[in-house]
N, C-alpha and C. Protein backbone atom coordinates (compact mmCIF):
# COMPACT_ATOMS: atom_id res chain seq x y z
N MET A 1 -106.74 91.62 -220.06
CA MET A 1 -106.96 90.98 -218.84
C MET A 1 -108.28 91.36 -218.20
N PHE A 2 -108.64 92.52 -218.45
CA PHE A 2 -109.96 92.91 -217.95
C PHE A 2 -111.00 92.38 -218.92
N GLY A 3 -112.10 91.89 -218.35
CA GLY A 3 -113.15 91.34 -219.19
C GLY A 3 -113.93 92.45 -219.86
N ILE A 4 -114.40 92.14 -220.98
CA ILE A 4 -115.19 93.10 -221.70
C ILE A 4 -116.65 92.88 -221.30
N ALA A 5 -117.27 93.94 -220.92
CA ALA A 5 -118.68 93.87 -220.51
C ALA A 5 -119.55 94.12 -221.72
N LEU A 6 -120.45 93.22 -221.92
CA LEU A 6 -121.39 93.41 -223.00
C LEU A 6 -122.54 94.25 -222.46
N SER A 7 -122.88 95.21 -223.17
CA SER A 7 -123.97 96.05 -222.69
C SER A 7 -125.26 95.67 -223.40
N GLN A 8 -126.21 95.29 -222.60
CA GLN A 8 -127.55 95.01 -223.10
C GLN A 8 -128.52 95.84 -222.29
N ALA A 9 -129.62 96.10 -222.88
CA ALA A 9 -130.64 96.86 -222.17
C ALA A 9 -131.26 95.95 -221.12
N VAL A 10 -131.25 96.39 -219.90
CA VAL A 10 -131.81 95.61 -218.80
C VAL A 10 -133.08 96.32 -218.34
N CYS A 11 -134.17 95.55 -218.26
CA CYS A 11 -135.44 96.12 -217.80
C CYS A 11 -135.80 95.46 -216.48
N ALA A 12 -136.11 96.27 -215.55
CA ALA A 12 -136.53 95.75 -214.24
C ALA A 12 -138.04 95.55 -214.25
N ALA A 13 -138.45 94.41 -213.78
CA ALA A 13 -139.88 94.13 -213.70
C ALA A 13 -140.44 94.87 -212.49
N ASP A 14 -141.64 95.38 -212.66
CA ASP A 14 -142.29 96.11 -211.58
C ASP A 14 -142.84 95.12 -210.56
N LEU A 15 -142.49 95.29 -209.31
CA LEU A 15 -142.99 94.40 -208.26
C LEU A 15 -144.46 94.66 -207.93
N TYR A 16 -144.92 95.83 -208.20
CA TYR A 16 -146.30 96.18 -207.89
C TYR A 16 -147.18 95.89 -209.10
N GLN A 17 -148.23 95.13 -208.89
CA GLN A 17 -149.20 94.88 -209.94
C GLN A 17 -150.55 95.34 -209.44
N THR A 18 -151.17 96.16 -210.21
CA THR A 18 -152.45 96.71 -209.81
C THR A 18 -153.48 95.61 -209.59
N GLY A 19 -154.19 95.68 -208.46
CA GLY A 19 -155.25 94.72 -208.16
C GLY A 19 -154.78 93.46 -207.47
N SER A 20 -153.48 93.22 -207.41
CA SER A 20 -153.02 91.98 -206.78
C SER A 20 -152.53 92.19 -205.35
N GLN A 21 -152.29 93.41 -204.97
CA GLN A 21 -151.78 93.68 -203.63
C GLN A 21 -152.87 94.36 -202.80
N SER A 22 -152.92 94.00 -201.54
CA SER A 22 -153.82 94.71 -200.64
C SER A 22 -152.98 95.60 -199.74
N SER A 23 -153.64 96.51 -199.13
CA SER A 23 -152.96 97.45 -198.26
C SER A 23 -152.37 96.72 -197.07
N LEU A 24 -151.26 97.23 -196.56
CA LEU A 24 -150.63 96.61 -195.39
C LEU A 24 -151.45 96.80 -194.13
N ILE A 25 -152.36 97.76 -194.14
CA ILE A 25 -153.15 98.03 -192.94
C ILE A 25 -154.60 97.57 -193.08
N SER A 26 -154.97 97.00 -194.20
CA SER A 26 -156.36 96.58 -194.38
C SER A 26 -156.53 95.11 -194.00
N ASP A 27 -157.77 94.73 -193.74
CA ASP A 27 -158.11 93.34 -193.43
C ASP A 27 -158.31 92.58 -194.72
N ARG A 28 -158.10 91.28 -194.68
CA ARG A 28 -158.33 90.44 -195.85
C ARG A 28 -159.75 89.91 -195.79
N ARG A 29 -160.67 90.64 -196.34
CA ARG A 29 -162.06 90.24 -196.40
C ARG A 29 -162.41 89.86 -197.83
N ALA A 30 -163.39 88.99 -197.94
CA ALA A 30 -163.85 88.57 -199.26
C ALA A 30 -164.49 89.74 -199.99
N VAL A 31 -164.10 89.93 -201.24
CA VAL A 31 -164.68 91.00 -202.05
C VAL A 31 -164.91 90.57 -203.50
N HIS A 32 -164.30 89.47 -203.93
CA HIS A 32 -164.37 89.04 -205.32
C HIS A 32 -165.03 87.67 -205.44
N VAL A 33 -165.52 87.38 -206.63
CA VAL A 33 -166.04 86.03 -206.91
C VAL A 33 -164.92 85.03 -206.71
N GLY A 34 -165.22 83.95 -206.01
CA GLY A 34 -164.23 82.93 -205.72
C GLY A 34 -163.60 83.06 -204.35
N ASP A 35 -163.73 84.23 -203.72
CA ASP A 35 -163.20 84.39 -202.36
C ASP A 35 -164.03 83.56 -201.38
N ILE A 36 -163.42 83.23 -200.27
CA ILE A 36 -164.08 82.40 -199.26
C ILE A 36 -164.52 83.26 -198.08
N VAL A 37 -165.74 83.01 -197.59
CA VAL A 37 -166.27 83.68 -196.41
C VAL A 37 -166.66 82.61 -195.40
N ASN A 38 -166.20 82.76 -194.17
CA ASN A 38 -166.53 81.83 -193.10
C ASN A 38 -167.85 82.28 -192.47
N VAL A 39 -168.84 81.39 -192.41
CA VAL A 39 -170.15 81.71 -191.84
C VAL A 39 -170.33 80.94 -190.54
N LEU A 40 -170.62 81.66 -189.47
CA LEU A 40 -170.95 81.05 -188.19
C LEU A 40 -172.46 80.89 -188.13
N VAL A 41 -172.92 79.66 -188.16
CA VAL A 41 -174.35 79.37 -188.16
C VAL A 41 -174.78 79.13 -186.72
N LEU A 42 -175.60 80.01 -186.21
CA LEU A 42 -176.20 79.85 -184.89
C LEU A 42 -177.67 80.19 -185.04
N GLU A 43 -178.47 79.18 -185.24
CA GLU A 43 -179.89 79.37 -185.48
C GLU A 43 -180.69 78.67 -184.40
N ASN A 44 -181.62 79.38 -183.81
CA ASN A 44 -182.56 78.84 -182.84
C ASN A 44 -183.96 79.09 -183.38
N SER A 45 -184.79 78.08 -183.34
CA SER A 45 -186.17 78.28 -183.79
C SER A 45 -187.10 77.59 -182.81
N THR A 46 -188.19 78.26 -182.53
CA THR A 46 -189.22 77.72 -181.65
C THR A 46 -190.56 78.06 -182.25
N ALA A 47 -191.44 77.08 -182.30
CA ALA A 47 -192.78 77.30 -182.84
C ALA A 47 -193.78 76.64 -181.89
N SER A 48 -194.91 77.27 -181.75
CA SER A 48 -195.95 76.73 -180.89
C SER A 48 -197.29 77.06 -181.51
N ASN A 49 -198.19 76.10 -181.46
CA ASN A 49 -199.52 76.31 -182.01
C ASN A 49 -200.51 75.54 -181.14
N THR A 50 -201.57 76.20 -180.73
CA THR A 50 -202.59 75.58 -179.90
C THR A 50 -203.95 75.86 -180.52
N ALA A 51 -204.80 74.85 -180.53
CA ALA A 51 -206.15 75.02 -181.06
C ALA A 51 -207.14 74.35 -180.11
N ASP A 52 -208.21 75.05 -179.78
CA ASP A 52 -209.30 74.52 -178.96
C ASP A 52 -210.58 74.57 -179.78
N THR A 53 -211.33 73.49 -179.72
CA THR A 53 -212.59 73.44 -180.44
C THR A 53 -213.65 72.83 -179.52
N SER A 54 -214.79 73.44 -179.51
CA SER A 54 -215.91 72.82 -178.79
C SER A 54 -217.19 73.17 -179.52
N THR A 55 -218.03 72.18 -179.65
CA THR A 55 -219.34 72.39 -180.28
C THR A 55 -220.38 71.68 -179.43
N LYS A 56 -221.56 72.23 -179.41
CA LYS A 56 -222.66 71.61 -178.70
C LYS A 56 -223.93 71.91 -179.50
N THR A 57 -224.60 70.86 -179.88
CA THR A 57 -225.85 71.02 -180.60
C THR A 57 -226.91 70.14 -179.93
N SER A 58 -228.12 70.60 -180.01
CA SER A 58 -229.22 69.78 -179.48
C SER A 58 -230.48 70.10 -180.27
N ALA A 59 -231.33 69.09 -180.39
CA ALA A 59 -232.62 69.25 -181.06
C ALA A 59 -233.62 68.36 -180.34
N GLU A 60 -234.77 68.87 -180.14
CA GLU A 60 -235.80 68.10 -179.45
C GLU A 60 -237.12 68.21 -180.21
N ILE A 61 -237.85 67.12 -180.15
CA ILE A 61 -239.19 67.10 -180.73
C ILE A 61 -240.14 66.65 -179.61
N HIS A 62 -241.15 67.43 -179.38
CA HIS A 62 -242.16 67.09 -178.37
C HIS A 62 -243.48 66.86 -179.09
N GLY A 63 -244.20 65.89 -178.60
CA GLY A 63 -245.52 65.62 -179.16
C GLY A 63 -246.52 65.32 -178.05
N ASP A 64 -247.76 65.69 -178.27
CA ASP A 64 -248.81 65.47 -177.29
C ASP A 64 -250.07 65.05 -178.03
N VAL A 65 -250.62 63.93 -177.65
CA VAL A 65 -251.82 63.41 -178.32
C VAL A 65 -252.93 63.26 -177.28
N SER A 66 -254.10 63.76 -177.62
CA SER A 66 -255.27 63.61 -176.73
C SER A 66 -256.33 62.78 -177.43
N THR A 67 -257.01 61.96 -176.69
CA THR A 67 -258.11 61.15 -177.23
C THR A 67 -259.42 61.65 -176.67
N LEU A 68 -260.55 61.07 -177.11
CA LEU A 68 -261.84 61.52 -176.66
C LEU A 68 -262.02 61.35 -175.15
N GLY A 69 -261.51 60.31 -174.65
CA GLY A 69 -261.54 60.18 -173.20
C GLY A 69 -260.51 61.13 -172.61
N ASN A 70 -260.47 61.19 -171.41
CA ASN A 70 -259.51 62.09 -170.79
C ASN A 70 -258.11 61.48 -170.74
N SER A 71 -257.76 60.68 -171.67
CA SER A 71 -256.41 60.13 -171.65
C SER A 71 -255.51 60.95 -172.58
N ARG A 72 -254.38 61.16 -172.09
CA ARG A 72 -253.38 61.93 -172.85
C ARG A 72 -252.16 61.08 -173.02
N HIS A 73 -251.59 61.15 -174.16
CA HIS A 73 -250.32 60.46 -174.43
C HIS A 73 -249.31 61.50 -174.89
N ALA A 74 -248.20 61.49 -174.22
CA ALA A 74 -247.15 62.47 -174.56
C ALA A 74 -245.89 61.72 -174.98
N GLY A 75 -245.18 62.29 -175.87
CA GLY A 75 -243.93 61.68 -176.32
C GLY A 75 -242.89 62.76 -176.56
N SER A 76 -241.68 62.37 -176.42
CA SER A 76 -240.59 63.33 -176.62
C SER A 76 -239.39 62.60 -177.20
N VAL A 77 -238.74 63.20 -178.15
CA VAL A 77 -237.52 62.68 -178.74
C VAL A 77 -236.48 63.78 -178.71
N GLY A 78 -235.29 63.46 -178.30
CA GLY A 78 -234.24 64.47 -178.25
C GLY A 78 -232.96 63.95 -178.90
N LEU A 79 -232.29 64.79 -179.58
CA LEU A 79 -231.00 64.48 -180.20
C LEU A 79 -230.00 65.53 -179.74
N GLY A 80 -228.82 65.11 -179.54
CA GLY A 80 -227.81 66.08 -179.14
C GLY A 80 -226.41 65.62 -179.52
N ASP A 81 -225.51 66.54 -179.58
CA ASP A 81 -224.12 66.24 -179.89
C ASP A 81 -223.26 67.20 -179.08
N ASN A 82 -222.24 66.66 -178.49
CA ASN A 82 -221.34 67.48 -177.71
C ASN A 82 -219.92 67.03 -178.06
N TYR A 83 -219.11 67.95 -178.55
CA TYR A 83 -217.75 67.61 -178.97
C TYR A 83 -216.78 68.64 -178.41
N GLY A 84 -215.71 68.16 -177.90
CA GLY A 84 -214.65 69.04 -177.44
C GLY A 84 -213.32 68.48 -177.90
N GLY A 85 -212.49 69.30 -178.45
CA GLY A 85 -211.19 68.84 -178.93
C GLY A 85 -210.12 69.87 -178.65
N ARG A 86 -208.92 69.39 -178.47
CA ARG A 86 -207.81 70.28 -178.21
C ARG A 86 -206.57 69.70 -178.87
N GLY A 87 -205.80 70.55 -179.49
CA GLY A 87 -204.55 70.12 -180.11
C GLY A 87 -203.45 71.11 -179.79
N GLN A 88 -202.26 70.60 -179.67
CA GLN A 88 -201.13 71.47 -179.38
C GLN A 88 -199.89 70.92 -180.07
N ILE A 89 -199.15 71.82 -180.70
CA ILE A 89 -197.90 71.46 -181.37
C ILE A 89 -196.81 72.38 -180.83
N GLN A 90 -195.72 71.79 -180.43
CA GLN A 90 -194.56 72.57 -180.02
C GLN A 90 -193.34 71.96 -180.70
N ARG A 91 -192.51 72.84 -181.21
CA ARG A 91 -191.32 72.37 -181.91
C ARG A 91 -190.20 73.37 -181.68
N SER A 92 -189.02 72.85 -181.47
CA SER A 92 -187.88 73.75 -181.33
C SER A 92 -186.67 73.08 -181.98
N GLY A 93 -185.76 73.89 -182.42
CA GLY A 93 -184.57 73.38 -183.07
C GLY A 93 -183.40 74.31 -182.84
N ARG A 94 -182.21 73.75 -182.89
CA ARG A 94 -181.01 74.56 -182.72
C ARG A 94 -179.93 74.00 -183.64
N LEU A 95 -179.27 74.88 -184.34
CA LEU A 95 -178.21 74.48 -185.26
C LEU A 95 -176.99 75.37 -184.99
N LEU A 96 -175.87 74.74 -184.72
CA LEU A 96 -174.62 75.44 -184.48
C LEU A 96 -173.56 74.82 -185.39
N ALA A 97 -173.02 75.61 -186.30
CA ALA A 97 -172.03 75.10 -187.24
C ALA A 97 -171.15 76.24 -187.74
N GLN A 98 -170.07 75.88 -188.36
CA GLN A 98 -169.17 76.84 -188.99
C GLN A 98 -168.88 76.32 -190.39
N ILE A 99 -169.26 77.10 -191.41
CA ILE A 99 -169.15 76.65 -192.79
C ILE A 99 -168.39 77.68 -193.61
N ASN A 100 -167.44 77.21 -194.40
CA ASN A 100 -166.77 78.08 -195.35
C ASN A 100 -167.57 78.09 -196.64
N THR A 101 -167.91 79.29 -197.09
CA THR A 101 -168.69 79.45 -198.31
C THR A 101 -167.85 80.19 -199.35
N THR A 102 -168.30 80.12 -200.58
CA THR A 102 -167.60 80.78 -201.68
C THR A 102 -168.48 81.89 -202.24
N VAL A 103 -167.88 83.01 -202.56
CA VAL A 103 -168.60 84.11 -203.21
C VAL A 103 -168.90 83.70 -204.64
N THR A 104 -170.19 83.65 -205.00
CA THR A 104 -170.57 83.24 -206.34
C THR A 104 -170.90 84.42 -207.25
N LYS A 105 -171.20 85.56 -206.64
CA LYS A 105 -171.59 86.74 -207.44
C LYS A 105 -171.42 87.97 -206.57
N VAL A 106 -171.07 89.07 -207.20
CA VAL A 106 -170.98 90.36 -206.51
C VAL A 106 -172.03 91.27 -207.14
N ALA A 107 -172.95 91.76 -206.32
CA ALA A 107 -174.01 92.64 -206.81
C ALA A 107 -173.46 94.03 -207.10
N ASP A 108 -174.21 94.82 -207.83
CA ASP A 108 -173.79 96.18 -208.18
C ASP A 108 -173.54 97.04 -206.94
N ASN A 109 -174.30 96.79 -205.86
CA ASN A 109 -174.12 97.59 -204.65
C ASN A 109 -173.03 97.04 -203.73
N GLY A 110 -172.35 95.97 -204.14
CA GLY A 110 -171.25 95.41 -203.37
C GLY A 110 -171.64 94.21 -202.51
N ASP A 111 -172.93 93.89 -202.45
CA ASP A 111 -173.36 92.71 -201.70
C ASP A 111 -172.76 91.46 -202.33
N LEU A 112 -172.46 90.48 -201.50
CA LEU A 112 -171.85 89.24 -201.96
C LEU A 112 -172.87 88.11 -201.86
N TYR A 113 -173.02 87.38 -202.92
CA TYR A 113 -173.85 86.17 -202.91
C TYR A 113 -172.93 85.01 -202.59
N ILE A 114 -173.28 84.26 -201.54
CA ILE A 114 -172.40 83.18 -201.10
C ILE A 114 -173.15 81.84 -201.12
N ARG A 115 -172.38 80.77 -201.25
CA ARG A 115 -172.95 79.42 -201.26
C ARG A 115 -171.86 78.47 -200.76
N GLY A 116 -172.29 77.52 -199.91
CA GLY A 116 -171.34 76.54 -199.41
C GLY A 116 -172.03 75.30 -198.90
N GLN A 117 -171.25 74.26 -198.72
CA GLN A 117 -171.78 72.98 -198.26
C GLN A 117 -170.74 72.31 -197.39
N GLN A 118 -171.23 71.62 -196.37
CA GLN A 118 -170.35 70.85 -195.49
C GLN A 118 -170.96 69.46 -195.33
N VAL A 119 -170.15 68.44 -195.52
CA VAL A 119 -170.60 67.06 -195.40
C VAL A 119 -169.78 66.40 -194.29
N ILE A 120 -170.49 65.80 -193.32
CA ILE A 120 -169.83 65.14 -192.20
C ILE A 120 -170.31 63.70 -192.15
N ASN A 121 -169.37 62.76 -192.09
CA ASN A 121 -169.71 61.35 -192.00
C ASN A 121 -169.13 60.80 -190.70
N VAL A 122 -170.02 60.43 -189.78
CA VAL A 122 -169.60 59.86 -188.51
C VAL A 122 -170.22 58.48 -188.38
N ASN A 123 -169.39 57.44 -188.47
CA ASN A 123 -169.85 56.05 -188.32
C ASN A 123 -171.03 55.72 -189.24
N GLY A 124 -170.98 56.15 -190.46
CA GLY A 124 -172.03 55.84 -191.42
C GLY A 124 -173.23 56.76 -191.36
N GLU A 125 -173.26 57.67 -190.42
CA GLU A 125 -174.35 58.66 -190.32
C GLU A 125 -173.87 59.91 -191.04
N LEU A 126 -174.48 60.21 -192.18
CA LEU A 126 -174.07 61.31 -193.05
C LEU A 126 -174.90 62.54 -192.74
N THR A 127 -174.26 63.66 -192.49
CA THR A 127 -174.94 64.92 -192.24
C THR A 127 -174.47 65.94 -193.27
N LYS A 128 -175.42 66.59 -193.94
CA LYS A 128 -175.11 67.62 -194.93
C LYS A 128 -175.70 68.94 -194.48
N ILE A 129 -174.89 69.97 -194.53
CA ILE A 129 -175.35 71.32 -194.25
C ILE A 129 -175.08 72.15 -195.49
N ARG A 130 -176.13 72.72 -196.07
CA ARG A 130 -176.00 73.59 -197.24
C ARG A 130 -176.48 74.98 -196.85
N LEU A 131 -175.75 75.98 -197.32
CA LEU A 131 -176.07 77.36 -196.96
C LEU A 131 -175.89 78.25 -198.18
N SER A 132 -176.82 79.16 -198.37
CA SER A 132 -176.68 80.19 -199.40
C SER A 132 -177.36 81.45 -198.92
N GLY A 133 -176.95 82.57 -199.46
CA GLY A 133 -177.55 83.84 -199.06
C GLY A 133 -176.77 85.01 -199.62
N ARG A 134 -177.15 86.19 -199.13
CA ARG A 134 -176.53 87.44 -199.58
C ARG A 134 -176.04 88.18 -198.34
N VAL A 135 -174.85 88.71 -198.39
CA VAL A 135 -174.28 89.41 -197.25
C VAL A 135 -173.68 90.74 -197.70
N ARG A 136 -173.85 91.75 -196.86
CA ARG A 136 -173.22 93.05 -197.13
C ARG A 136 -171.75 92.96 -196.74
N SER A 137 -170.91 93.60 -197.49
CA SER A 137 -169.47 93.58 -197.22
C SER A 137 -169.15 94.12 -195.84
N ILE A 138 -169.91 95.11 -195.39
CA ILE A 138 -169.62 95.71 -194.08
C ILE A 138 -170.00 94.78 -192.93
N ASP A 139 -170.79 93.74 -193.19
CA ASP A 139 -171.16 92.80 -192.14
C ASP A 139 -170.12 91.70 -191.93
N ILE A 140 -169.14 91.63 -192.80
CA ILE A 140 -168.08 90.64 -192.67
C ILE A 140 -167.02 91.19 -191.71
N ASP A 141 -166.72 90.43 -190.64
CA ASP A 141 -165.75 90.86 -189.64
C ASP A 141 -164.35 90.94 -190.22
N SER A 142 -163.44 91.50 -189.43
CA SER A 142 -162.06 91.65 -189.88
C SER A 142 -161.37 90.31 -190.08
N ASN A 143 -161.88 89.24 -189.44
CA ASN A 143 -161.29 87.91 -189.65
C ASN A 143 -162.03 87.13 -190.73
N ASN A 144 -162.76 87.84 -191.60
CA ASN A 144 -163.46 87.27 -192.75
C ASN A 144 -164.58 86.31 -192.34
N THR A 145 -165.28 86.65 -191.25
CA THR A 145 -166.35 85.82 -190.71
C THR A 145 -167.62 86.64 -190.61
N VAL A 146 -168.75 85.98 -190.87
CA VAL A 146 -170.05 86.63 -190.74
C VAL A 146 -171.00 85.67 -190.03
N GLN A 147 -171.89 86.21 -189.22
CA GLN A 147 -172.88 85.39 -188.54
C GLN A 147 -174.06 85.15 -189.47
N SER A 148 -174.67 83.97 -189.36
CA SER A 148 -175.78 83.63 -190.24
C SER A 148 -176.97 84.58 -190.06
N SER A 149 -177.08 85.19 -188.90
CA SER A 149 -178.19 86.14 -188.69
C SER A 149 -178.02 87.41 -189.51
N ARG A 150 -176.85 87.64 -190.07
CA ARG A 150 -176.60 88.82 -190.90
C ARG A 150 -176.82 88.56 -192.38
N LEU A 151 -177.21 87.33 -192.74
CA LEU A 151 -177.44 86.99 -194.15
C LEU A 151 -178.86 87.38 -194.56
N ALA A 152 -178.98 87.93 -195.74
CA ALA A 152 -180.29 88.19 -196.33
C ALA A 152 -180.60 87.03 -197.28
N ASP A 153 -181.88 86.74 -197.43
CA ASP A 153 -182.32 85.66 -198.32
C ASP A 153 -181.60 84.36 -198.01
N ALA A 154 -181.38 84.10 -196.71
CA ALA A 154 -180.63 82.92 -196.30
C ALA A 154 -181.44 81.65 -196.51
N SER A 155 -180.77 80.63 -196.95
CA SER A 155 -181.33 79.29 -197.06
C SER A 155 -180.34 78.34 -196.40
N ILE A 156 -180.79 77.70 -195.31
CA ILE A 156 -179.93 76.79 -194.57
C ILE A 156 -180.63 75.44 -194.52
N ASP A 157 -180.01 74.43 -195.10
CA ASP A 157 -180.56 73.07 -195.10
C ASP A 157 -179.66 72.19 -194.25
N TYR A 158 -180.29 71.44 -193.35
CA TYR A 158 -179.58 70.50 -192.49
C TYR A 158 -180.25 69.15 -192.67
N VAL A 159 -179.56 68.23 -193.32
CA VAL A 159 -180.16 66.95 -193.69
C VAL A 159 -179.27 65.82 -193.19
N GLY A 160 -179.90 64.82 -192.58
CA GLY A 160 -179.16 63.66 -192.11
C GLY A 160 -179.61 62.41 -192.85
N ASP A 161 -178.69 61.46 -193.00
CA ASP A 161 -179.01 60.21 -193.66
C ASP A 161 -178.13 59.12 -193.06
N GLY A 162 -178.77 58.01 -192.71
CA GLY A 162 -178.03 56.89 -192.14
C GLY A 162 -178.96 56.02 -191.31
N PHE A 163 -178.40 55.07 -190.61
CA PHE A 163 -179.17 54.10 -189.84
C PHE A 163 -180.03 54.77 -188.77
N ILE A 164 -179.45 55.67 -188.00
CA ILE A 164 -180.20 56.33 -186.92
C ILE A 164 -181.31 57.19 -187.49
N THR A 165 -181.02 57.95 -188.53
CA THR A 165 -182.04 58.79 -189.16
C THR A 165 -183.17 57.95 -189.72
N ASP A 166 -182.84 56.82 -190.34
CA ASP A 166 -183.88 55.93 -190.88
C ASP A 166 -184.79 55.41 -189.79
N ARG A 167 -184.26 55.14 -188.61
CA ARG A 167 -185.06 54.58 -187.51
C ARG A 167 -185.98 55.61 -186.87
N THR A 168 -185.75 56.90 -187.12
CA THR A 168 -186.60 57.93 -186.54
C THR A 168 -187.79 58.27 -187.44
N ARG A 169 -187.79 57.76 -188.65
CA ARG A 169 -188.91 58.01 -189.57
C ARG A 169 -190.03 57.02 -189.30
N PRO A 170 -191.30 57.45 -189.44
CA PRO A 170 -192.40 56.52 -189.25
C PRO A 170 -192.40 55.42 -190.31
N GLY A 171 -192.96 54.28 -189.95
CA GLY A 171 -193.03 53.15 -190.87
C GLY A 171 -194.06 53.36 -191.96
N LEU A 172 -194.25 52.33 -192.77
CA LEU A 172 -195.13 52.41 -193.93
C LEU A 172 -196.59 52.63 -193.53
N ILE A 173 -197.08 51.88 -192.57
CA ILE A 173 -198.50 51.99 -192.19
C ILE A 173 -198.84 53.37 -191.64
N PRO A 174 -198.07 53.93 -190.69
CA PRO A 174 -198.39 55.29 -190.25
C PRO A 174 -198.31 56.33 -191.36
N ARG A 175 -197.38 56.14 -192.31
CA ARG A 175 -197.28 57.10 -193.42
C ARG A 175 -198.50 57.01 -194.34
N VAL A 176 -199.02 55.79 -194.57
CA VAL A 176 -200.21 55.62 -195.40
C VAL A 176 -201.41 56.25 -194.69
N PHE A 177 -201.56 55.98 -193.38
CA PHE A 177 -202.67 56.57 -192.63
C PHE A 177 -202.57 58.10 -192.62
N ALA A 178 -201.36 58.63 -192.49
CA ALA A 178 -201.18 60.09 -192.51
C ALA A 178 -201.53 60.65 -193.89
N TRP A 179 -201.16 59.93 -194.94
CA TRP A 179 -201.47 60.39 -196.29
C TRP A 179 -202.98 60.40 -196.52
N LEU A 180 -203.68 59.43 -195.94
CA LEU A 180 -205.13 59.37 -196.07
C LEU A 180 -205.84 60.34 -195.11
N GLY A 181 -205.08 60.96 -194.24
CA GLY A 181 -205.67 61.90 -193.30
C GLY A 181 -206.29 61.22 -192.09
N LEU A 182 -205.94 59.97 -191.86
CA LEU A 182 -206.51 59.22 -190.75
C LEU A 182 -205.61 59.23 -189.52
N TRP A 183 -204.45 59.80 -189.62
CA TRP A 183 -203.52 59.79 -188.49
C TRP A 183 -203.21 61.19 -188.07
């Protein structure tokens, strides 16, 4: 009446696997290839250039002719050039974005090489933001975020394409004149 128990060797699988578990008290920061790092892009740039030029040249030729009588004839020719020019360029830009990037390589010293892209399409106006750079592990916050100002060898591209962007570009004639150096 009692059932017979078959005895087989039972092996318990280990719940702990080396390298797959993180500490219960540590933050989840990117450390391996393929991990994601959130980059807060806050870039401000301002450039200014001013040039002043002035030149002044003059040349004169004087002549005096006397004849046997007491008559004198004098002549004078003068040439001159006066040029003054001034140019000024001012440019400023601001970019504020949040991009998730992927760790593509881990350097021997622990630095992470990251790369990411964000594409936004609003009413046919396409905006692409591409970012790459190198970040130290200690610069990544506890919420797995790093500011773009903490990236080394950073490359940030912000490119727009669409109807509005096309209308802000100069036409064919101004581009030809600029290429010839006439504009």
